[in-house]
Amino acid sequence: MVDRNCVVGADALKVLFIGGTGRTGSTLVDRLLGSAPGWFSGGELAFLWRLGLLRGGLCACGQKVAECDVWGTALERAFGLDGADAERMVTLRQRFWSIHLPLMAVPPLARRRFDRLEEYPSNVEQLYRSVMEVTGDRVLIDSSKDTHYSQILRLRTDLDVYFLHLVRDPRAISYSWTKLRPEAGFRGEVNMERRNLLTSSTYFYVSDIAAEALWRRDAGHYQILRYEDFVANPAAACARIAEFVGEEIDLTGVLEGNVFKPAPGHTTWGNPNRFETAPTAIRADDAWRSEQTRWRSAAAGALNAPLGARYGYGVTSGARLRQMSRGLRRHDLMGHPVD
């Protein structure tokens, strides 16, 4: 495995990895940073092989990933006209998944598990380097979020990985997972994944605890950001991220006050907002406060209270807990009334 204590070479490719659980606003952070000169918004690159290549998903430019001027060129440049075997890449990635994270506590077992990845890490690194050669950018943003995937990049490649731990109020996350949305990456032919309260809460704990356990002590390569702080002052948040990575960032023409003016992008996967090109006001998304049922909001607050409080989110009161208990008898876990 790569020794993180070694000095990274000056020519090492910098990767800003946005980690944590889903529905935290990572695509917006990714796109805003990636609209600045020298920064490239890659999106959730862990899913490029399965969703982008095997299933024919769309790049943010509107073309299929394999046919995109940027990604198609990068793939050909990295792997030749025949390209990489996407199906094999999907199979190999499953050899180190989130269920294998506990093995990180036992280095010999972790090394054996990583060895089973075979050419997967080197192929990923080759593609990352190729796309940056095509674009000429300095920083590649990968908003895959999965901590186990970040460990592959960190320990089995020579990429210089910076982990931005993005967190959000768990009640907002819970609400976002209930919303029914068409998956724009497949032209709206299917809907985005939805998760019930217990599943979204489990992912909240697993993702964020793993992120802290595996990255927090890596001096200079870990930073935490609350989504609420980002939307309150996106310019300051971006400046702080740029300082963290050790790069300059120029948002002139991209961010005016809190209005984001997206540059044409090639974000491979993520929230459907990656396709939006019109100026957008960045503001707090508080729809969950009024549109989420009270019992579900209380339940999400209670289930996630220990970790939520660590990140500065309010702990559910006793009255709200009693309200939640009554609500559980009247609703299913998605927040729908029980007939």
C-alpha atoms as a PDB file:
ATOM      1  CA  MET A   1       0.000   0.000   0.000  1.00  0.00           C
ATOM      2  CA  VAL A   2       1.088   3.568  -0.602  1.00  0.00           C
ATOM      3  CA  ASP A   3       2.765   5.114   2.437  1.00  0.00           C
ATOM      4  CA  ARG A   4       0.890   8.350   3.188  1.00  0.00           C
ATOM      5  CA  ASN A   5       3.819   9.503   5.301  1.00  0.00           C
ATOM      6  CA  CYS A   6       5.978   9.810   2.200  1.00  0.00           C
ATOM      7  CA  VAL A   7       6.399  13.205   0.590  1.00  0.00           C
ATOM      8  CA  VAL A   8       4.075  13.490  -2.399  1.00  0.00           C
ATOM      9  CA  GLY A   9       5.864  14.465  -5.613  1.00  0.00           C
ATOM     10  CA  ALA A  10       5.383  17.937  -7.010  1.00  0.00           C
ATOM     11  CA  ASP A  11       3.825  16.486 -10.165  1.00  0.00           C
ATOM     12  CA  ALA A  12       1.243  14.378  -8.270  1.00  0.00           C
ATOM     13  CA  LEU A  13      -2.321  14.829  -9.483  1.00  0.00           C
ATOM     14  CA  LYS A  14      -4.461  16.508  -6.847  1.00  0.00           C
ATOM     15  CA  VAL A  15      -7.873  14.963  -6.247  1.00  0.00           C
ATOM     16  CA  LEU A  16     -10.427  16.696  -4.041  1.00  0.00           C
ATOM     17  CA  PHE A  17     -12.630  13.861  -2.804  1.00  0.00           C
ATOM     18  CA  ILE A  18     -16.001  14.933  -1.391  1.00  0.00           C
ATOM     19  CA  GLY A  19     -16.988  12.289   1.142  1.00  0.00           C
ATOM     20  CA  GLY A  20     -19.789  11.539   3.583  1.00  0.00           C
ATOM     21  CA  THR A  21     -23.306  10.266   3.082  1.00  0.00           C
ATOM     22  CA  GLY A  22     -25.673  10.970   0.190  1.00  0.00           C
ATOM     23  CA  ARG A  23     -27.997  13.955  -0.290  1.00  0.00           C
ATOM     24  CA  THR A  24     -25.646  16.437   1.355  1.00  0.00           C
ATOM     25  CA  GLY A  25     -25.405  18.839  -1.583  1.00  0.00           C
ATOM     26  CA  SER A  26     -22.136  17.411  -2.880  1.00  0.00           C
ATOM     27  CA  THR A  27     -23.032  17.873  -6.553  1.00  0.00           C
ATOM     28  CA  LEU A  28     -23.579  21.612  -6.050  1.00  0.00           C
ATOM     29  CA  VAL A  29     -20.252  21.976  -4.221  1.00  0.00           C
ATOM     30  CA  ASP A  30     -18.555  19.887  -6.920  1.00  0.00           C
ATOM     31  CA  ARG A  31     -19.999  21.963  -9.789  1.00  0.00           C
ATOM     32  CA  LEU A  32     -19.285  25.339  -8.218  1.00  0.00           C
ATOM     33  CA  LEU A  33     -15.648  24.493  -7.609  1.00  0.00           C
ATOM     34  CA  GLY A  34     -15.406  22.798 -11.016  1.00  0.00           C
ATOM     35  CA  SER A  35     -16.606  25.937 -12.805  1.00  0.00           C
ATOM     36  CA  ALA A  36     -13.436  27.769 -11.744  1.00  0.00           C
ATOM     37  CA  PRO A  37     -10.432  27.743 -14.111  1.00  0.00           C
ATOM     38  CA  GLY A  38      -8.072  24.874 -13.330  1.00  0.00           C
ATOM     39  CA  TRP A  39     -10.668  22.875 -11.402  1.00  0.00           C
ATOM     40  CA  PHE A  40     -12.542  19.982 -13.041  1.00  0.00           C
ATOM     41  CA  SER A  41     -15.908  18.673 -11.831  1.00  0.00           C
ATOM     42  CA  GLY A  42     -15.766  14.896 -12.298  1.00  0.00           C
ATOM     43  CA  GLY A  43     -18.870  14.041 -10.292  1.00  0.00           C
ATOM     44  CA  GLU A  44     -19.421  10.654  -8.664  1.00  0.00           C
ATOM     45  CA  LEU A  45     -16.654   8.877 -10.542  1.00  0.00           C
ATOM     46  CA  ALA A  46     -17.033   5.637  -8.588  1.00  0.00           C
ATOM     47  CA  PHE A  47     -20.172   5.054 -10.664  1.00  0.00           C
ATOM     48  CA  LEU A  48     -18.671   5.905 -14.057  1.00  0.00           C
ATOM     49  CA  TRP A  49     -18.046   2.285 -15.030  1.00  0.00           C
ATOM     50  CA  ARG A  50     -21.461   0.870 -14.056  1.00  0.00           C
ATOM     51  CA  LEU A  51     -23.839   3.770 -14.703  1.00  0.00           C
ATOM     52  CA  GLY A  52     -21.901   5.810 -17.228  1.00  0.00           C
ATOM     53  CA  LEU A  53     -20.428   3.069 -19.429  1.00  0.00           C
ATOM     54  CA  LEU A  54     -22.347  -0.192 -18.906  1.00  0.00           C
ATOM     55  CA  ARG A  55     -25.769   1.470 -18.680  1.00  0.00           C
ATOM     56  CA  GLY A  56     -25.118   4.319 -21.089  1.00  0.00           C
ATOM     57  CA  GLY A  57     -25.628   7.185 -18.624  1.00  0.00           C
ATOM     58  CA  LEU A  58     -25.332  10.806 -19.676  1.00  0.00           C
ATOM     59  CA  CYS A  59     -22.525  13.248 -18.997  1.00  0.00           C
ATOM     60  CA  ALA A  60     -23.610  16.742 -17.918  1.00  0.00           C
ATOM     61  CA  CYS A  61     -22.879  17.896 -21.481  1.00  0.00           C
ATOM     62  CA  GLY A  62     -25.869  15.810 -22.634  1.00  0.00           C
ATOM     63  CA  GLN A  63     -23.873  13.130 -24.463  1.00  0.00           C
ATOM     64  CA  LYS A  64     -23.389   9.580 -23.285  1.00  0.00           C
ATOM     65  CA  VAL A  65     -20.248   9.365 -21.168  1.00  0.00           C
ATOM     66  CA  ALA A  66     -18.511   7.108 -23.684  1.00  0.00           C
ATOM     67  CA  GLU A  67     -19.325   9.566 -26.509  1.00  0.00           C
ATOM     68  CA  CYS A  68     -18.539  12.790 -24.623  1.00  0.00           C
ATOM     69  CA  ASP A  69     -15.769  14.907 -26.165  1.00  0.00           C
ATOM     70  CA  VAL A  70     -13.919  14.955 -22.840  1.00  0.00           C
ATOM     71  CA  TRP A  71     -14.593  11.529 -21.334  1.00  0.00           C
ATOM     72  CA  GLY A  72     -14.634   9.653 -24.641  1.00  0.00           C
ATOM     73  CA  THR A  73     -11.278  11.185 -25.534  1.00  0.00           C
ATOM     74  CA  ALA A  74      -9.859  10.468 -22.065  1.00  0.00           C
ATOM     75  CA  LEU A  75     -11.006   6.843 -22.177  1.00  0.00           C
ATOM     76  CA  GLU A  76      -9.490   6.298 -25.606  1.00  0.00           C
ATOM     77  CA  ARG A  77      -6.294   8.018 -24.561  1.00  0.00           C
ATOM     78  CA  ALA A  78      -6.013   5.883 -21.430  1.00  0.00           C
ATOM     79  CA  PHE A  79      -7.095   2.494 -22.778  1.00  0.00           C
ATOM     80  CA  GLY A  80      -6.975   2.630 -26.577  1.00  0.00           C
ATOM     81  CA  LEU A  81      -9.765   2.301 -29.125  1.00  0.00           C
ATOM     82  CA  ASP A  82     -11.178  -0.817 -27.462  1.00  0.00           C
ATOM     83  CA  GLY A  83     -11.362   0.956 -24.080  1.00  0.00           C
ATOM     84  CA  ALA A  84     -11.218  -0.582 -20.632  1.00  0.00           C
ATOM     85  CA  ASP A  85     -13.401  -3.561 -19.715  1.00  0.00           C
ATOM     86  CA  ALA A  86     -16.138  -1.720 -17.792  1.00  0.00           C
ATOM     87  CA  GLU A  87     -17.852  -4.921 -16.709  1.00  0.00           C
ATOM     88  CA  ARG A  88     -14.629  -6.249 -15.189  1.00  0.00           C
ATOM     89  CA  MET A  89     -14.009  -2.905 -13.479  1.00  0.00           C
ATOM     90  CA  VAL A  90     -17.443  -3.116 -11.827  1.00  0.00           C
ATOM     91  CA  THR A  91     -16.724  -6.678 -10.690  1.00  0.00           C
ATOM     92  CA  LEU A  92     -13.299  -5.777  -9.297  1.00  0.00           C
ATOM     93  CA  ARG A  93     -14.602  -2.801  -7.337  1.00  0.00           C
ATOM     94  CA  GLN A  94     -16.993  -5.089  -5.452  1.00  0.00           C
ATOM     95  CA  ARG A  95     -13.988  -6.851  -3.950  1.00  0.00           C
ATOM     96  CA  PHE A  96     -13.526  -3.896  -1.571  1.00  0.00           C
ATOM     97  CA  TRP A  97     -16.912  -2.499  -0.602  1.00  0.00           C
ATOM     98  CA  SER A  98     -18.389  -0.701   2.395  1.00  0.00           C
ATOM     99  CA  ILE A  99     -18.902  -4.038   4.158  1.00  0.00           C
ATOM    100  CA  HIS A 100     -15.118  -4.488   4.116  1.00  0.00           C
ATOM    101  CA  LEU A 101     -14.363  -1.217   5.941  1.00  0.00           C
ATOM    102  CA  PRO A 102     -13.886  -2.963   9.334  1.00  0.00           C
ATOM    103  CA  LEU A 103     -10.888  -4.746   7.799  1.00  0.00           C
ATOM    104  CA  MET A 104      -9.060  -1.409   7.792  1.00  0.00           C
ATOM    105  CA  ALA A 105      -8.490  -1.955  11.512  1.00  0.00           C
ATOM    106  CA  VAL A 106      -6.441  -5.076  10.700  1.00  0.00           C
ATOM    107  CA  PRO A 107      -3.734  -4.056   8.173  1.00  0.00           C
ATOM    108  CA  PRO A 108      -2.779  -7.589   7.006  1.00  0.00           C
ATOM    109  CA  LEU A 109      -6.415  -8.388   6.198  1.00  0.00           C
ATOM    110  CA  ALA A 110      -6.861  -5.014   4.513  1.00  0.00           C
ATOM    111  CA  ARG A 111      -3.793  -5.568   2.335  1.00  0.00           C
ATOM    112  CA  ARG A 112      -5.062  -8.954   1.196  1.00  0.00           C
ATOM    113  CA  ARG A 113      -8.454  -7.460   0.357  1.00  0.00           C
ATOM    114  CA  PHE A 114      -6.816  -4.588  -1.570  1.00  0.00           C
ATOM    115  CA  ASP A 115      -4.621  -7.072  -3.463  1.00  0.00           C
ATOM    116  CA  ARG A 116      -7.788  -8.664  -4.847  1.00  0.00           C
ATOM    117  CA  LEU A 117      -8.586  -5.417  -6.666  1.00  0.00           C
ATOM    118  CA  GLU A 118      -5.872  -6.342  -9.181  1.00  0.00           C
ATOM    119  CA  GLU A 119      -5.726  -3.697 -11.978  1.00  0.00           C
ATOM    120  CA  TYR A 120      -8.697  -1.653 -10.745  1.00  0.00           C
ATOM    121  CA  PRO A 121      -6.707   1.062  -8.892  1.00  0.00           C
ATOM    122  CA  SER A 122      -4.162   1.516 -11.678  1.00  0.00           C
ATOM    123  CA  ASN A 123      -6.930   1.791 -14.291  1.00  0.00           C
ATOM    124  CA  VAL A 124      -8.739   4.402 -12.221  1.00  0.00           C
ATOM    125  CA  GLU A 125      -5.549   6.414 -11.774  1.00  0.00           C
ATOM    126  CA  GLN A 126      -4.794   6.149 -15.472  1.00  0.00           C
ATOM    127  CA  LEU A 127      -8.249   7.504 -16.341  1.00  0.00           C
ATOM    128  CA  TYR A 128      -8.012  10.364 -13.829  1.00  0.00           C
ATOM    129  CA  ARG A 129      -4.655  11.405 -15.240  1.00  0.00           C
ATOM    130  CA  SER A 130      -5.930  11.096 -18.785  1.00  0.00           C
ATOM    131  CA  VAL A 131      -8.949  13.348 -18.268  1.00  0.00           C
ATOM    132  CA  MET A 132      -6.758  16.000 -16.658  1.00  0.00           C
ATOM    133  CA  GLU A 133      -4.372  15.845 -19.599  1.00  0.00           C
ATOM    134  CA  VAL A 134      -7.340  16.368 -21.918  1.00  0.00           C
ATOM    135  CA  THR A 135      -8.714  19.327 -19.951  1.00  0.00           C
ATOM    136  CA  GLY A 136      -5.425  20.829 -18.800  1.00  0.00           C
ATOM    137  CA  ASP A 137      -6.852  21.365 -15.289  1.00  0.00           C
ATOM    138  CA  ARG A 138      -4.928  21.096 -11.999  1.00  0.00           C
ATOM    139  CA  VAL A 139      -7.494  19.702  -9.537  1.00  0.00           C
ATOM    140  CA  LEU A 140      -9.893  16.836 -10.190  1.00  0.00           C
ATOM    141  CA  ILE A 141     -13.039  16.841  -8.028  1.00  0.00           C
ATOM    142  CA  ASP A 142     -14.519  13.429  -7.251  1.00  0.00           C
ATOM    143  CA  SER A 143     -17.788  13.610  -5.303  1.00  0.00           C
ATOM    144  CA  SER A 144     -18.308   9.843  -5.005  1.00  0.00           C
ATOM    145  CA  LYS A 145     -18.744  10.215  -1.210  1.00  0.00           C
ATOM    146  CA  ASP A 146     -18.107   6.513  -0.458  1.00  0.00           C
ATOM    147  CA  THR A 147     -15.324   6.285   2.125  1.00  0.00           C
ATOM    148  CA  HIS A 148     -14.339   2.792   1.023  1.00  0.00           C
ATOM    149  CA  TYR A 149     -13.750   4.079  -2.517  1.00  0.00           C
ATOM    150  CA  SER A 150     -11.638   6.945  -1.179  1.00  0.00           C
ATOM    151  CA  GLN A 151      -9.397   4.372   0.489  1.00  0.00           C
ATOM    152  CA  ILE A 152      -8.684   2.729  -2.855  1.00  0.00           C
ATOM    153  CA  LEU A 153      -7.564   6.094  -4.249  1.00  0.00           C
ATOM    154  CA  ARG A 154      -5.612   6.955  -1.117  1.00  0.00           C
ATOM    155  CA  LEU A 155      -3.792   3.654  -0.528  1.00  0.00           C
ATOM    156  CA  ARG A 156      -3.455   2.031  -3.937  1.00  0.00           C
ATOM    157  CA  THR A 157      -2.667   4.946  -6.257  1.00  0.00           C
ATOM    158  CA  ASP A 158      -0.133   7.761  -6.380  1.00  0.00           C
ATOM    159  CA  LEU A 159      -2.877  10.382  -6.500  1.00  0.00           C
ATOM    160  CA  ASP A 160      -2.646  13.214  -3.957  1.00  0.00           C
ATOM    161  CA  VAL A 161      -6.095  12.845  -2.360  1.00  0.00           C
ATOM    162  CA  TYR A 162      -7.697  15.530  -0.159  1.00  0.00           C
ATOM    163  CA  PHE A 163     -10.823  14.424   1.702  1.00  0.00           C
ATOM    164  CA  LEU A 164     -13.544  17.069   2.117  1.00  0.00           C
ATOM    165  CA  HIS A 165     -16.009  15.660   4.636  1.00  0.00           C
ATOM    166  CA  LEU A 166     -19.375  17.226   3.763  1.00  0.00           C
ATOM    167  CA  VAL A 167     -22.105  16.952   6.416  1.00  0.00           C
ATOM    168  CA  ARG A 168     -25.692  18.174   6.579  1.00  0.00           C
ATOM    169  CA  ASP A 169     -28.588  18.193   9.039  1.00  0.00           C
ATOM    170  CA  PRO A 170     -29.766  14.541   9.139  1.00  0.00           C
ATOM    171  CA  ARG A 171     -33.392  15.688   9.097  1.00  0.00           C
ATOM    172  CA  ALA A 172     -32.794  17.366   5.738  1.00  0.00           C
ATOM    173  CA  ILE A 173     -30.999  14.269   4.464  1.00  0.00           C
ATOM    174  CA  SER A 174     -33.884  12.060   5.576  1.00  0.00           C
ATOM    175  CA  TYR A 175     -36.391  14.263   3.751  1.00  0.00           C
ATOM    176  CA  SER A 176     -34.335  14.345   0.555  1.00  0.00           C
ATOM    177  CA  TRP A 177     -34.285  10.541   0.359  1.00  0.00           C
ATOM    178  CA  THR A 178     -38.109  10.416   0.312  1.00  0.00           C
ATOM    179  CA  LYS A 179     -38.518  12.691  -2.716  1.00  0.00           C
ATOM    180  CA  LEU A 180     -39.572  11.114  -5.998  1.00  0.00           C
ATOM    181  CA  ARG A 181     -37.335  12.453  -8.779  1.00  0.00           C
ATOM    182  CA  PRO A 182     -36.674  11.310 -12.351  1.00  0.00           C
ATOM    183  CA  GLU A 183     -33.079  10.263 -12.976  1.00  0.00           C
ATOM    184  CA  ALA A 184     -31.910  12.766 -15.583  1.00  0.00           C
ATOM    185  CA  GLY A 185     -28.802  10.688 -16.217  1.00  0.00           C
ATOM    186  CA  PHE A 186     -31.051   8.135 -17.914  1.00  0.00           C
ATOM    187  CA  ARG A 187     -33.212  10.778 -19.630  1.00  0.00           C
ATOM    188  CA  GLY A 188     -35.809  10.510 -16.870  1.00  0.00           C
ATOM    189  CA  GLU A 189     -36.733   6.938 -17.825  1.00  0.00           C
ATOM    190  CA  VAL A 190     -36.225   5.740 -14.244  1.00  0.00           C
ATOM    191  CA  ASN A 191     -36.466   7.432 -10.862  1.00  0.00           C
ATOM    192  CA  MET A 192     -33.665   8.182  -8.435  1.00  0.00           C
ATOM    193  CA  GLU A 193     -33.131   5.839  -5.508  1.00  0.00           C
ATOM    194  CA  ARG A 194     -35.260   6.414  -2.419  1.00  0.00           C
ATOM    195  CA  ARG A 195     -34.400   5.254   1.110  1.00  0.00           C
ATOM    196  CA  ASN A 196     -36.549   4.781   4.153  1.00  0.00           C
ATOM    197  CA  LEU A 197     -35.783   6.357   7.505  1.00  0.00           C
ATOM    198  CA  LEU A 198     -33.820   3.437   8.958  1.00  0.00           C
ATOM    199  CA  THR A 199     -31.728   2.963   5.835  1.00  0.00           C
ATOM    200  CA  SER A 200     -30.848   6.645   5.443  1.00  0.00           C
ATOM    201  CA  SER A 201     -29.974   6.850   9.162  1.00  0.00           C
ATOM    202  CA  THR A 202     -27.754   3.771   8.933  1.00  0.00           C
ATOM    203  CA  TYR A 203     -25.874   5.279   6.002  1.00  0.00           C
ATOM    204  CA  PHE A 204     -25.527   8.555   7.899  1.00  0.00           C
ATOM    205  CA  TYR A 205     -23.757   6.793  10.758  1.00  0.00           C
ATOM    206  CA  VAL A 206     -21.651   4.395   8.697  1.00  0.00           C
ATOM    207  CA  SER A 207     -20.504   6.993   6.163  1.00  0.00           C
ATOM    208  CA  ASP A 208     -19.639   9.767   8.580  1.00  0.00           C
ATOM    209  CA  ILE A 209     -18.062   7.613  11.275  1.00  0.00           C
ATOM    210  CA  ALA A 210     -15.935   5.853   8.663  1.00  0.00           C
ATOM    211  CA  ALA A 211     -14.915   9.195   7.149  1.00  0.00           C
ATOM    212  CA  GLU A 212     -13.681  10.480  10.509  1.00  0.00           C
ATOM    213  CA  ALA A 213     -12.082   7.224  11.598  1.00  0.00           C
ATOM    214  CA  LEU A 214     -10.045   6.804   8.429  1.00  0.00           C
ATOM    215  CA  TRP A 215      -9.247  10.389   7.469  1.00  0.00           C
ATOM    216  CA  ARG A 216      -9.351  12.773  10.430  1.00  0.00           C
ATOM    217  CA  ARG A 217      -5.813  11.999  11.595  1.00  0.00           C
ATOM    218  CA  ASP A 218      -4.333  12.423   8.127  1.00  0.00           C
ATOM    219  CA  ALA A 219      -2.894  15.883   8.759  1.00  0.00           C
ATOM    220  CA  GLY A 220      -3.367  18.241   5.852  1.00  0.00           C
ATOM    221  CA  HIS A 221      -5.623  15.894   3.902  1.00  0.00           C
ATOM    222  CA  TYR A 222      -8.890  16.094   5.862  1.00  0.00           C
ATOM    223  CA  GLN A 223     -11.312  18.977   6.240  1.00  0.00           C
ATOM    224  CA  ILE A 224     -14.938  19.045   7.362  1.00  0.00           C
ATOM    225  CA  LEU A 225     -17.589  21.347   5.891  1.00  0.00           C
ATOM    226  CA  ARG A 226     -21.222  21.788   6.911  1.00  0.00           C
ATOM    227  CA  TYR A 227     -23.531  22.237   3.935  1.00  0.00           C
ATOM    228  CA  GLU A 228     -25.404  24.933   5.830  1.00  0.00           C
ATOM    229  CA  ASP A 229     -22.177  26.945   6.164  1.00  0.00           C
ATOM    230  CA  PHE A 230     -21.464  26.477   2.473  1.00  0.00           C
ATOM    231  CA  VAL A 231     -24.814  27.914   1.303  1.00  0.00           C
ATOM    232  CA  ALA A 232     -24.567  30.781   3.805  1.00  0.00           C
ATOM    233  CA  ASN A 233     -21.278  31.980   2.284  1.00  0.00           C
ATOM    234  CA  PRO A 234     -20.206  29.931  -0.763  1.00  0.00           C
ATOM    235  CA  ALA A 235     -17.317  32.253  -1.663  1.00  0.00           C
ATOM    236  CA  ALA A 236     -15.732  31.883   1.775  1.00  0.00           C
ATOM    237  CA  ALA A 237     -16.278  28.121   1.719  1.00  0.00           C
ATOM    238  CA  CYS A 238     -14.618  27.786  -1.690  1.00  0.00           C
ATOM    239  CA  ALA A 239     -11.682  29.924  -0.577  1.00  0.00           C
ATOM    240  CA  ARG A 240     -11.227  27.715   2.464  1.00  0.00           C
ATOM    241  CA  ILE A 241     -11.342  24.575   0.299  1.00  0.00           C
ATOM    242  CA  ALA A 242      -8.791  26.012  -2.127  1.00  0.00           C
ATOM    243  CA  GLU A 243      -6.445  26.814   0.758  1.00  0.00           C
ATOM    244  CA  PHE A 244      -6.934  23.267   2.041  1.00  0.00           C
ATOM    245  CA  VAL A 245      -5.896  21.809  -1.332  1.00  0.00           C
ATOM    246  CA  GLY A 246      -3.077  24.328  -1.733  1.00  0.00           C
ATOM    247  CA  GLU A 247      -4.390  25.842  -4.952  1.00  0.00           C
ATOM    248  CA  GLU A 248      -5.757  29.198  -6.026  1.00  0.00           C
ATOM    249  CA  ILE A 249      -9.378  29.560  -7.109  1.00  0.00           C
ATOM    250  CA  ASP A 250     -10.916  32.349  -9.177  1.00  0.00           C
ATOM    251  CA  LEU A 251     -14.714  32.493  -9.152  1.00  0.00           C
ATOM    252  CA  THR A 252     -14.973  35.693 -11.212  1.00  0.00           C
ATOM    253  CA  GLY A 253     -17.983  35.342 -13.493  1.00  0.00           C
ATOM    254  CA  VAL A 254     -18.925  32.099 -11.736  1.00  0.00           C
ATOM    255  CA  LEU A 255     -20.212  33.380  -8.407  1.00  0.00           C
ATOM    256  CA  GLU A 256     -21.770  36.817  -7.920  1.00  0.00           C
ATOM    257  CA  GLY A 257     -22.929  37.147  -4.341  1.00  0.00           C
ATOM    258  CA  ASN A 258     -24.856  33.933  -3.846  1.00  0.00           C
ATOM    259  CA  VAL A 259     -25.762  33.517  -7.528  1.00  0.00           C
ATOM    260  CA  PHE A 260     -23.988  30.610  -9.228  1.00  0.00           C
ATOM    261  CA  LYS A 261     -23.452  30.933 -12.992  1.00  0.00           C
ATOM    262  CA  PRO A 262     -22.440  27.435 -14.108  1.00  0.00           C
ATOM    263  CA  ALA A 263     -19.789  26.934 -16.736  1.00  0.00           C
ATOM    264  CA  PRO A 264     -20.406  24.132 -19.266  1.00  0.00           C
ATOM    265  CA  GLY A 265     -19.364  20.959 -17.501  1.00  0.00           C
ATOM    266  CA  HIS A 266     -18.709  17.253 -17.818  1.00  0.00           C
ATOM    267  CA  THR A 267     -19.866  15.961 -14.433  1.00  0.00           C
ATOM    268  CA  THR A 268     -20.322  12.220 -14.975  1.00  0.00           C
ATOM    269  CA  TRP A 269     -22.842  11.404 -12.248  1.00  0.00           C
ATOM    270  CA  GLY A 270     -24.636  12.991  -9.319  1.00  0.00           C
ATOM    271  CA  ASN A 271     -27.753  15.012  -8.582  1.00  0.00           C
ATOM    272  CA  PRO A 272     -29.791  16.061 -11.656  1.00  0.00           C
ATOM    273  CA  ASN A 273     -28.777  19.675 -10.992  1.00  0.00           C
ATOM    274  CA  ARG A 274     -25.531  18.812 -12.830  1.00  0.00           C
ATOM    275  CA  PHE A 275     -27.469  19.404 -16.075  1.00  0.00           C
ATOM    276  CA  GLU A 276     -28.639  22.907 -15.123  1.00  0.00           C
ATOM    277  CA  THR A 277     -27.026  25.802 -16.977  1.00  0.00           C
ATOM    278  CA  ALA A 278     -29.112  28.798 -15.886  1.00  0.00           C
ATOM    279  CA  PRO A 279     -27.903  31.090 -13.065  1.00  0.00           C
ATOM    280  CA  THR A 280     -28.994  29.683  -9.708  1.00  0.00           C
ATOM    281  CA  ALA A 281     -29.291  31.365  -6.324  1.00  0.00           C
ATOM    282  CA  ILE A 282     -27.474  29.332  -3.680  1.00  0.00           C
ATOM    283  CA  ARG A 283     -29.626  29.398  -0.568  1.00  0.00           C
ATOM    284  CA  ALA A 284     -30.625  27.229   2.356  1.00  0.00           C
ATOM    285  CA  ASP A 285     -32.909  24.387   1.293  1.00  0.00           C
ATOM    286  CA  ASP A 286     -35.293  24.324   4.237  1.00  0.00           C
ATOM    287  CA  ALA A 287     -38.217  22.605   2.507  1.00  0.00           C
ATOM    288  CA  TRP A 288     -37.842  19.722   4.926  1.00  0.00           C
ATOM    289  CA  ARG A 289     -38.969  21.962   7.782  1.00  0.00           C
ATOM    290  CA  SER A 290     -42.415  22.509   6.273  1.00  0.00           C
ATOM    291  CA  GLU A 291     -42.920  19.604   3.872  1.00  0.00           C
ATOM    292  CA  GLN A 292     -41.616  16.687   5.934  1.00  0.00           C
ATOM    293  CA  THR A 293     -44.109  15.157   8.346  1.00  0.00           C
ATOM    294  CA  ARG A 294     -43.454  16.152  11.943  1.00  0.00           C
ATOM    295  CA  TRP A 295     -43.095  12.592  13.114  1.00  0.00           C
ATOM    296  CA  ARG A 296     -40.480  11.765  10.473  1.00  0.00           C
ATOM    297  CA  SER A 297     -38.495  14.922  11.219  1.00  0.00           C
ATOM    298  CA  ALA A 298     -38.576  14.057  14.920  1.00  0.00           C
ATOM    299  CA  ALA A 299     -37.649  10.439  14.221  1.00  0.00           C
ATOM    300  CA  ALA A 300     -34.714  11.453  12.014  1.00  0.00           C
ATOM    301  CA  GLY A 301     -33.523  13.885  14.673  1.00  0.00           C
ATOM    302  CA  ALA A 302     -33.775  11.260  17.392  1.00  0.00           C
ATOM    303  CA  LEU A 303     -32.160   8.401  15.491  1.00  0.00           C
ATOM    304  CA  ASN A 304     -29.252  10.569  14.418  1.00  0.00           C
ATOM    305  CA  ALA A 305     -28.995  12.746  17.525  1.00  0.00           C
ATOM    306  CA  PRO A 306     -25.599  11.544  18.852  1.00  0.00           C
ATOM    307  CA  LEU A 307     -23.749  12.116  15.590  1.00  0.00           C
ATOM    308  CA  GLY A 308     -25.925  15.058  14.546  1.00  0.00           C
ATOM    309  CA  ALA A 309     -25.048  16.904  17.748  1.00  0.00           C
ATOM    310  CA  ARG A 310     -21.354  16.338  17.030  1.00  0.00           C
ATOM    311  CA  TYR A 311     -21.775  18.317  13.819  1.00  0.00           C
ATOM    312  CA  GLY A 312     -23.766  21.076  15.486  1.00  0.00           C
ATOM    313  CA  TYR A 313     -27.322  19.983  14.715  1.00  0.00           C
ATOM    314  CA  GLY A 314     -30.006  20.218  17.381  1.00  0.00           C
ATOM    315  CA  VAL A 315     -30.874  17.230  19.540  1.00  0.00           C
ATOM    316  CA  THR A 316     -34.519  16.185  19.511  1.00  0.00           C
ATOM    317  CA  SER A 317     -36.447  17.218  22.618  1.00  0.00           C
ATOM    318  CA  GLY A 318     -38.476  14.910  24.799  1.00  0.00           C
ATOM    319  CA  ALA A 319     -41.720  16.342  23.442  1.00  0.00           C
ATOM    320  CA  ARG A 320     -40.607  15.615  19.906  1.00  0.00           C
ATOM    321  CA  LEU A 321     -39.700  12.069  20.889  1.00  0.00           C
ATOM    322  CA  ARG A 322     -43.205  11.493  22.236  1.00  0.00           C
ATOM    323  CA  GLN A 323     -44.629  12.961  19.057  1.00  0.00           C
ATOM    324  CA  MET A 324     -42.444  10.608  17.054  1.00  0.00           C
ATOM    325  CA  SER A 325     -43.715   7.607  19.015  1.00  0.00           C
ATOM    326  CA  ARG A 326     -47.321   8.533  18.224  1.00  0.00           C
ATOM    327  CA  GLY A 327     -46.434   9.131  14.584  1.00  0.00           C
ATOM    328  CA  LEU A 328     -44.803   5.727  14.173  1.00  0.00           C
ATOM    329  CA  ARG A 329     -48.197   4.162  14.806  1.00  0.00           C
ATOM    330  CA  ARG A 330     -49.788   6.210  12.021  1.00  0.00           C
ATOM    331  CA  HIS A 331     -47.127   6.285   9.263  1.00  0.00           C
ATOM    332  CA  ASP A 332     -44.818   3.980   7.394  1.00  0.00           C
ATOM    333  CA  LEU A 333     -41.079   4.634   7.334  1.00  0.00           C
ATOM    334  CA  MET A 334     -41.265   6.721   4.173  1.00  0.00           C
ATOM    335  CA  GLY A 335     -43.600   9.129   5.978  1.00  0.00           C
ATOM    336  CA  HIS A 336     -46.788   8.035   4.263  1.00  0.00           C
ATOM    337  CA  PRO A 337     -50.025   7.613   6.307  1.00  0.00           C
ATOM    338  CA  VAL A 338     -50.952   4.018   7.096  1.00  0.00           C
ATOM    339  CA  ASP A 339     -54.440   3.136   5.871  1.00  0.00           C
END
